[in-house]
């Protein structure tokens, strides 16, 4: 088994190779595209980053997001960065299918939060709204494509872009949401900003013992607590691999295969009986969690295509600097000229002709 040191050295070697090859290999704007789960990144930054400016105002959401995006661009060296936010209204289709979908969602406070909301100039909810609005203003001055479409979740937009729009691009999906692992193949990878780990097909199998094309089947059975989606009792990964070994095989094992398998299984195995007796839940979870063929209207697909094909905005450094000084972010980003160089690099790719 590889030691942690060996794995770190392997990852560092991969990153160095990536950096060395990027400028030589990029000939089109969409050669290497980083697609960011915007709200996922912002909520995580807001919850865990205790930064305050000289006026005592919490700025963790803004600073944490900007630093996370900049760090990821420095690591992965994309030729383009697309940031997708959940549209107003979320996903009516999923809520209609399952009214409790995401019903438990709220910003969770962490122990390293140094903000006393009892004495702060604004309460937590108000601060979150203000920081989100301010963050969008910052992002609008950077060479980034921003997408948000009413009644459509970021997951669906990101999946649609990676699967049906930028079909020849190397894609990096940035999110802590494990649902994206189902999309990983030779072209699509997932970057976990918390683990600082790039999930390829090999990394997924090493961690889960399940190939990426079967991750969805595992997730359907396991459920997703973060989205308030219940799973099958006893359907832990270890038990699934023992009693349902096809889930870890190299062959594709989808929901239809699963239902057929448990239908013909030994009734003495409790886990398989639980699955057999919960087929409706399995089908529901599939509809809630699958991202390989997203169910969004044609006019929404056109909006996404138009947003992706639109010219990438130009870096407007002086306006970014004015906001930076006004918000007193220098305590958290020490050298703006050096920090913003990664976005200057992205800005240079704007002029590359696309496919």
Protein backbone atom coordinates (compact mmCIF):
# COMPACT_ATOMS: atom_id res chain seq x y z
CA UNK A 1 0.00 0.00 0.00
CA UNK A 2 1.31 3.46 -0.87
CA UNK A 3 2.26 5.67 2.05
CA UNK A 4 0.73 9.10 2.46
CA UNK A 5 4.13 10.57 1.57
CA UNK A 6 4.27 8.56 -1.66
CA UNK A 7 0.76 9.67 -2.61
CA UNK A 8 1.62 13.32 -1.90
CA UNK A 9 4.77 13.08 -4.02
CA UNK A 10 2.76 11.43 -6.81
CA UNK A 11 0.18 14.24 -6.68
CA UNK A 12 2.84 16.97 -6.63
CA UNK A 13 4.53 15.34 -9.63
CA UNK A 14 1.20 15.27 -11.45
CA UNK A 15 0.59 18.96 -10.73
CA UNK A 16 4.05 19.96 -11.92
CA UNK A 17 3.55 17.99 -15.13
CA UNK A 18 0.15 19.67 -15.55
CA UNK A 19 1.66 23.13 -15.13
CA UNK A 20 4.51 22.40 -17.55
CA UNK A 21 2.19 21.04 -20.25
CA UNK A 22 -0.65 23.55 -20.04
CA UNK A 23 0.64 26.41 -22.18
CA UNK A 24 2.10 23.99 -24.71
CA UNK A 25 -1.10 21.99 -25.05
CA UNK A 26 -3.75 24.72 -24.94
CA UNK A 27 -4.70 25.91 -28.41
CA UNK A 28 -8.38 26.70 -27.79
CA UNK A 29 -10.22 28.55 -25.05
CA UNK A 30 -12.14 25.42 -24.04
CA UNK A 31 -9.24 22.95 -23.98
CA UNK A 32 -9.11 22.79 -20.16
CA UNK A 33 -12.23 24.06 -18.41
CA UNK A 34 -12.73 24.43 -14.68
CA UNK A 35 -16.46 24.44 -13.79
CA UNK A 36 -17.16 25.57 -10.23
CA UNK A 37 -20.16 24.78 -8.05
CA UNK A 38 -20.64 28.38 -6.93
CA UNK A 39 -23.04 28.11 -4.00
CA UNK A 40 -21.29 25.00 -2.69
CA UNK A 41 -18.02 26.94 -2.66
CA UNK A 42 -19.51 30.09 -1.14
CA UNK A 43 -21.40 28.36 1.69
CA UNK A 44 -18.30 26.39 2.63
CA UNK A 45 -16.19 29.58 2.65
CA UNK A 46 -18.77 31.56 4.62
CA UNK A 47 -19.14 28.81 7.23
CA UNK A 48 -15.50 28.02 7.88
CA UNK A 49 -13.59 31.24 7.17
CA UNK A 50 -13.52 33.56 10.22
CA UNK A 51 -11.86 36.51 8.44
CA UNK A 52 -12.93 40.03 9.39
CA UNK A 53 -11.67 43.33 7.99
CA UNK A 54 -10.33 46.29 9.95
CA UNK A 55 -13.89 47.47 10.61
CA UNK A 56 -14.76 44.19 12.31
CA UNK A 57 -17.02 43.09 9.48
CA UNK A 58 -17.04 39.41 8.54
CA UNK A 59 -15.63 38.96 5.02
CA UNK A 60 -14.98 35.21 5.11
CA UNK A 61 -17.49 34.35 2.41
CA UNK A 62 -15.98 36.75 -0.12
CA UNK A 63 -12.32 36.17 0.75
CA UNK A 64 -12.67 32.42 1.17
CA UNK A 65 -14.36 32.06 -2.22
CA UNK A 66 -11.83 34.23 -4.07
CA UNK A 67 -8.88 32.47 -2.49
CA UNK A 68 -10.34 29.04 -3.21
CA UNK A 69 -10.93 29.83 -6.89
CA UNK A 70 -7.51 31.39 -7.29
CA UNK A 71 -5.79 28.44 -5.57
CA UNK A 72 -7.61 25.92 -7.77
CA UNK A 73 -6.74 27.81 -10.95
CA UNK A 74 -3.10 27.88 -9.86
CA UNK A 75 -3.14 24.12 -9.20
CA UNK A 76 -5.08 22.91 -12.27
CA UNK A 77 -4.08 25.64 -14.74
CA UNK A 78 -7.36 25.74 -16.71
CA UNK A 79 -7.68 27.72 -19.92
CA UNK A 80 -11.14 28.82 -18.81
CA UNK A 81 -13.18 29.02 -15.60
CA UNK A 82 -16.99 28.82 -15.50
CA UNK A 83 -18.77 29.46 -12.20
CA UNK A 84 -22.33 28.16 -11.89
CA UNK A 85 -24.76 29.22 -9.17
CA UNK A 86 -28.11 27.63 -8.34
CA UNK A 87 -30.90 29.56 -10.00
CA UNK A 88 -33.70 31.17 -8.00
CA UNK A 89 -36.23 28.50 -7.06
CA UNK A 90 -33.80 25.59 -7.16
CA UNK A 91 -35.28 22.49 -8.78
CA UNK A 92 -39.12 22.44 -8.80
CA UNK A 93 -39.04 19.02 -10.52
CA UNK A 94 -37.07 17.42 -7.71
CA UNK A 95 -39.23 19.03 -5.02
CA UNK A 96 -42.36 17.84 -6.82
CA UNK A 97 -40.95 14.32 -6.88
CA UNK A 98 -39.78 14.54 -3.27
CA UNK A 99 -41.08 17.53 -1.22
CA UNK A 100 -38.45 16.97 1.48
CA UNK A 101 -35.60 17.40 -1.01
CA UNK A 102 -32.94 19.62 0.60
CA UNK A 103 -35.37 20.46 3.41
CA UNK A 104 -32.54 20.25 5.96
CA UNK A 105 -30.26 22.69 4.16
CA UNK A 106 -28.81 25.48 6.29
CA UNK A 107 -25.45 27.10 6.86
CA UNK A 108 -23.69 25.15 9.57
CA UNK A 109 -21.52 27.08 12.01
CA UNK A 110 -18.07 25.70 12.71
CA UNK A 111 -15.95 25.90 15.83
CA UNK A 112 -13.32 28.04 14.11
CA UNK A 113 -15.78 30.87 13.46
CA UNK A 114 -14.50 33.89 15.39
CA UNK A 115 -17.47 36.12 14.68
CA UNK A 116 -19.78 36.98 17.56
CA UNK A 117 -23.08 37.49 15.75
CA UNK A 118 -24.62 38.87 18.92
CA UNK A 119 -22.48 42.00 18.71
CA UNK A 120 -21.58 42.08 15.01
CA UNK A 121 -22.85 44.98 12.86
CA UNK A 122 -25.16 42.61 10.99
CA UNK A 123 -26.67 39.22 11.71
CA UNK A 124 -25.48 36.04 10.01
CA UNK A 125 -28.25 35.77 7.42
CA UNK A 126 -27.93 39.40 6.39
CA UNK A 127 -24.14 39.10 6.18
CA UNK A 128 -24.49 36.07 3.95
CA UNK A 129 -26.78 37.93 1.53
CA UNK A 130 -24.53 40.99 1.44
CA UNK A 131 -21.37 38.96 0.90
CA UNK A 132 -22.94 36.93 -1.89
CA UNK A 133 -24.00 40.11 -3.69
CA UNK A 134 -20.59 41.66 -3.20
CA UNK A 135 -18.85 38.48 -4.37
CA UNK A 136 -20.74 38.56 -7.66
CA UNK A 137 -19.48 42.13 -8.19
CA UNK A 138 -15.90 40.96 -7.68
CA UNK A 139 -16.36 38.02 -10.03
CA UNK A 140 -17.80 40.27 -12.75
CA UNK A 141 -14.44 42.06 -12.92
CA UNK A 142 -12.51 38.81 -13.47
CA UNK A 143 -12.19 36.77 -16.72
CA UNK A 144 -14.81 34.25 -15.62
CA UNK A 145 -18.07 33.03 -17.13
CA UNK A 146 -20.92 33.25 -14.59
CA UNK A 147 -24.10 31.23 -15.10
CA UNK A 148 -27.30 31.14 -13.06
CA UNK A 149 -30.68 30.17 -14.50
CA UNK A 150 -33.96 30.37 -12.57
CA UNK A 151 -35.44 27.04 -11.49
CA UNK A 152 -32.32 25.10 -12.43
CA UNK A 153 -29.73 23.77 -9.99
CA UNK A 154 -26.03 24.24 -10.56
CA UNK A 155 -25.54 20.45 -10.60
CA UNK A 156 -27.70 20.12 -13.71
CA UNK A 157 -26.04 23.03 -15.52
CA UNK A 158 -22.55 21.74 -14.72
CA UNK A 159 -23.45 18.22 -15.82
CA UNK A 160 -25.06 19.44 -19.04
CA UNK A 161 -22.01 21.52 -19.95
CA UNK A 162 -19.59 18.67 -19.27
CA UNK A 163 -21.67 15.97 -20.96
CA UNK A 164 -23.36 17.73 -23.89
CA UNK A 165 -21.84 21.15 -24.57
CA UNK A 166 -18.06 20.97 -24.14
CA UNK A 167 -17.80 17.39 -25.35
CA UNK A 168 -14.20 17.66 -26.52
CA UNK A 169 -12.81 19.55 -23.53
CA UNK A 170 -10.89 18.31 -20.52
CA UNK A 171 -13.27 19.19 -17.69
CA UNK A 172 -12.55 19.78 -13.99
CA UNK A 173 -15.68 19.97 -11.82
CA UNK A 174 -15.01 21.74 -8.52
CA UNK A 175 -17.34 20.77 -5.68
CA UNK A 176 -17.55 18.81 -2.44
CA UNK A 177 -20.76 17.19 -3.76
CA UNK A 178 -20.09 13.47 -4.31
CA UNK A 179 -22.84 13.28 -6.94
CA UNK A 180 -20.36 14.63 -9.48
CA UNK A 181 -18.19 11.52 -9.14
CA UNK A 182 -20.68 9.66 -11.38
CA UNK A 183 -19.52 11.85 -14.29
CA UNK A 184 -15.81 11.02 -14.04
CA UNK A 185 -14.30 9.40 -17.12
CA UNK A 186 -11.16 9.83 -19.22
CA UNK A 187 -12.13 13.44 -19.95
CA UNK A 188 -14.01 14.62 -16.84
CA UNK A 189 -12.44 14.83 -13.37
CA UNK A 190 -13.64 16.19 -10.02
CA UNK A 191 -11.59 18.50 -7.81
CA UNK A 192 -12.44 18.37 -4.10
CA UNK A 193 -11.49 21.76 -2.59
CA UNK A 194 -11.64 20.41 0.97
CA UNK A 195 -9.53 17.32 0.38
CA UNK A 196 -7.29 19.08 -2.16
CA UNK A 197 -7.71 15.95 -4.24
CA UNK A 198 -8.32 15.40 -7.93
CA UNK A 199 -10.67 12.48 -8.54
CA UNK A 200 -9.83 10.53 -11.67
CA UNK A 201 -11.21 7.08 -12.49
CA UNK A 202 -8.28 5.49 -10.66
CA UNK A 203 -8.63 7.68 -7.56
CA UNK A 204 -12.34 6.85 -7.30
CA UNK A 205 -11.70 3.12 -7.46
CA UNK A 206 -8.83 3.37 -4.96
CA UNK A 207 -11.02 5.21 -2.45
CA UNK A 208 -14.35 3.46 -2.93
CA UNK A 209 -13.53 0.13 -4.57
CA UNK A 210 -16.24 1.04 -7.08
CA UNK A 211 -15.65 2.22 -10.65
CA UNK A 212 -16.91 5.68 -11.54
CA UNK A 213 -19.55 4.29 -13.91
CA UNK A 214 -21.13 2.47 -10.93
CA UNK A 215 -20.82 5.27 -8.39
CA UNK A 216 -24.38 6.42 -9.09
CA UNK A 217 -25.77 2.98 -8.20
CA UNK A 218 -23.86 3.05 -4.91
CA UNK A 219 -24.99 6.60 -4.13
CA UNK A 220 -28.63 5.74 -4.83
CA UNK A 221 -28.49 2.96 -2.26
CA UNK A 222 -26.47 4.93 0.27
CA UNK A 223 -28.56 8.11 0.00
CA UNK A 224 -27.38 11.67 0.53
CA UNK A 225 -27.84 13.22 3.98
CA UNK A 226 -26.78 16.67 2.75
CA UNK A 227 -29.79 16.70 0.39
CA UNK A 228 -32.08 14.91 2.87
CA UNK A 229 -32.27 11.85 0.60
CA UNK A 230 -32.63 8.64 2.56
CA UNK A 231 -30.97 5.41 1.47
CA UNK A 232 -31.54 1.69 2.01
CA UNK A 233 -31.03 0.39 5.54
CA UNK A 234 -27.78 -1.54 5.82
CA UNK A 235 -26.52 -0.42 2.40
CA UNK A 236 -23.03 0.53 3.50
CA UNK A 237 -20.21 0.21 1.00
CA UNK A 238 -18.67 -2.84 2.68
CA UNK A 239 -21.97 -4.74 2.77
CA UNK A 240 -22.82 -3.80 -0.81
CA UNK A 241 -19.51 -5.11 -2.13
CA UNK A 242 -19.99 -8.34 -0.18
CA UNK A 243 -23.60 -9.14 -1.06
CA UNK A 244 -23.81 -7.28 -4.36
CA UNK A 245 -20.31 -7.82 -5.82
CA UNK A 246 -21.30 -6.68 -9.31
CA UNK A 247 -21.30 -3.10 -8.02
CA UNK A 248 -17.50 -3.20 -7.78
CA UNK A 249 -16.91 -5.05 -11.05
CA UNK A 250 -15.46 -3.45 -14.17
CA UNK A 251 -18.77 -3.97 -16.00
CA UNK A 252 -21.47 -1.31 -15.83
CA UNK A 253 -24.05 -2.12 -13.15
CA UNK A 254 -26.90 0.38 -13.35
CA UNK A 255 -30.26 0.64 -11.60
CA UNK A 256 -31.99 -1.76 -13.99
CA UNK A 257 -29.24 -4.32 -13.42
CA UNK A 258 -29.55 -3.80 -9.66
CA UNK A 259 -33.32 -4.34 -9.63
CA UNK A 260 -32.96 -7.46 -11.75
CA UNK A 261 -30.17 -8.75 -9.49
CA UNK A 262 -32.11 -8.40 -6.22
CA UNK A 263 -35.24 -9.80 -7.85
CA UNK A 264 -33.41 -13.07 -8.47
CA UNK A 265 -31.35 -13.07 -5.26
CA UNK A 266 -31.43 -15.30 -2.20
CA UNK A 267 -34.24 -14.10 0.05
CA UNK A 268 -32.16 -14.92 3.13
CA UNK A 269 -29.81 -11.97 2.61
CA UNK A 270 -31.35 -9.08 4.54
CA UNK A 271 -29.69 -6.27 2.58
CA UNK A 272 -30.88 -7.59 -0.78
CA UNK A 273 -34.37 -8.08 0.64
CA UNK A 274 -34.34 -4.46 1.86
CA UNK A 275 -33.44 -3.31 -1.64
CA UNK A 276 -36.06 -5.57 -3.22
CA UNK A 277 -38.73 -4.16 -0.89
CA UNK A 278 -37.68 -0.57 -1.59
CA UNK A 279 -37.65 -0.50 -5.39
CA UNK A 280 -39.76 2.67 -5.47
CA UNK A 281 -37.23 4.45 -3.23
CA UNK A 282 -34.39 3.25 -5.46
CA UNK A 283 -36.16 4.61 -8.56
CA UNK A 284 -36.92 7.89 -6.77
CA UNK A 285 -33.30 8.30 -5.71
CA UNK A 286 -32.18 7.65 -9.26
CA UNK A 287 -34.39 10.46 -10.55
CA UNK A 288 -33.13 12.79 -7.81
CA UNK A 289 -29.43 12.00 -8.11
CA UNK A 290 -28.56 11.07 -11.69
CA UNK A 291 -26.63 13.72 -13.64
CA UNK A 292 -25.63 11.77 -16.73
CA UNK A 293 -28.74 12.79 -18.68
CA UNK A 294 -30.13 15.84 -16.94
CA UNK A 295 -33.84 16.54 -17.25
CA UNK A 296 -33.99 20.22 -18.20
CA UNK A 297 -36.17 21.94 -20.85
CA UNK A 298 -34.90 22.72 -24.33
CA UNK A 299 -35.05 26.50 -23.81
CA UNK A 300 -32.87 26.14 -20.71
CA UNK A 301 -30.33 24.12 -22.70
CA UNK A 302 -30.21 26.93 -25.25
CA UNK A 303 -29.57 29.48 -22.48
CA UNK A 304 -26.69 27.38 -21.17
CA UNK A 305 -25.20 27.00 -24.64
CA UNK A 306 -25.47 30.75 -25.23
CA UNK A 307 -23.77 31.49 -21.90
CA UNK A 308 -20.91 29.09 -22.66
CA UNK A 309 -20.46 30.41 -26.21
CA UNK A 310 -20.55 34.06 -25.12
CA UNK A 311 -17.20 35.86 -25.09
CA UNK A 312 -15.44 35.57 -21.74
CA UNK A 313 -15.47 38.91 -19.86
CA UNK A 314 -12.21 40.79 -19.65
CA UNK A 315 -10.19 41.26 -16.46
CA UNK A 316 -10.82 44.80 -15.19
CA UNK A 317 -8.03 45.03 -12.66
CA UNK A 318 -8.49 48.66 -11.59
CA UNK A 319 -12.16 48.17 -10.69
CA UNK A 320 -11.30 45.02 -8.76
CA UNK A 321 -8.62 47.01 -6.89
CA UNK A 322 -11.05 49.80 -5.99
CA UNK A 323 -13.46 47.28 -4.44
CA UNK A 324 -10.57 45.47 -2.76
CA UNK A 325 -9.39 48.67 -1.04
CA UNK A 326 -12.90 49.79 -0.11
CA UNK A 327 -13.66 46.45 1.56
CA UNK A 328 -10.25 46.38 3.27
CA UNK A 329 -9.35 42.87 2.14
CA UNK A 330 -5.59 43.45 2.34
CA UNK A 331 -5.37 41.76 5.74
CA UNK A 332 -6.34 38.48 4.04
CA UNK A 333 -4.81 38.89 0.57
CA UNK A 334 -1.43 40.44 1.26
CA UNK A 335 -0.10 41.17 -2.23
CA UNK A 336 -2.88 41.80 -4.70
CA UNK A 337 -0.57 42.29 -7.69
CA UNK A 338 0.93 38.84 -7.19
CA UNK A 339 -2.38 37.24 -6.23
CA UNK A 340 -4.23 38.46 -9.32
CA UNK A 341 -1.57 37.16 -11.74
CA UNK A 342 -3.44 33.85 -12.03
CA UNK A 343 -6.45 35.73 -13.41
CA UNK A 344 -4.13 37.68 -15.72
CA UNK A 345 -3.04 34.29 -17.10
CA UNK A 346 -6.70 33.28 -17.61
CA UNK A 347 -7.33 36.62 -19.30
CA UNK A 348 -4.77 35.77 -21.99
CA UNK A 349 -6.77 32.72 -23.09
CA UNK A 350 -9.81 34.85 -23.95
CA UNK A 351 -8.46 35.54 -27.42
CA UNK A 352 -7.87 31.94 -28.41
CA UNK A 353 -10.25 30.84 -31.15
CA UNK A 354 -12.70 28.20 -30.01
CA UNK A 355 -13.64 24.93 -31.66
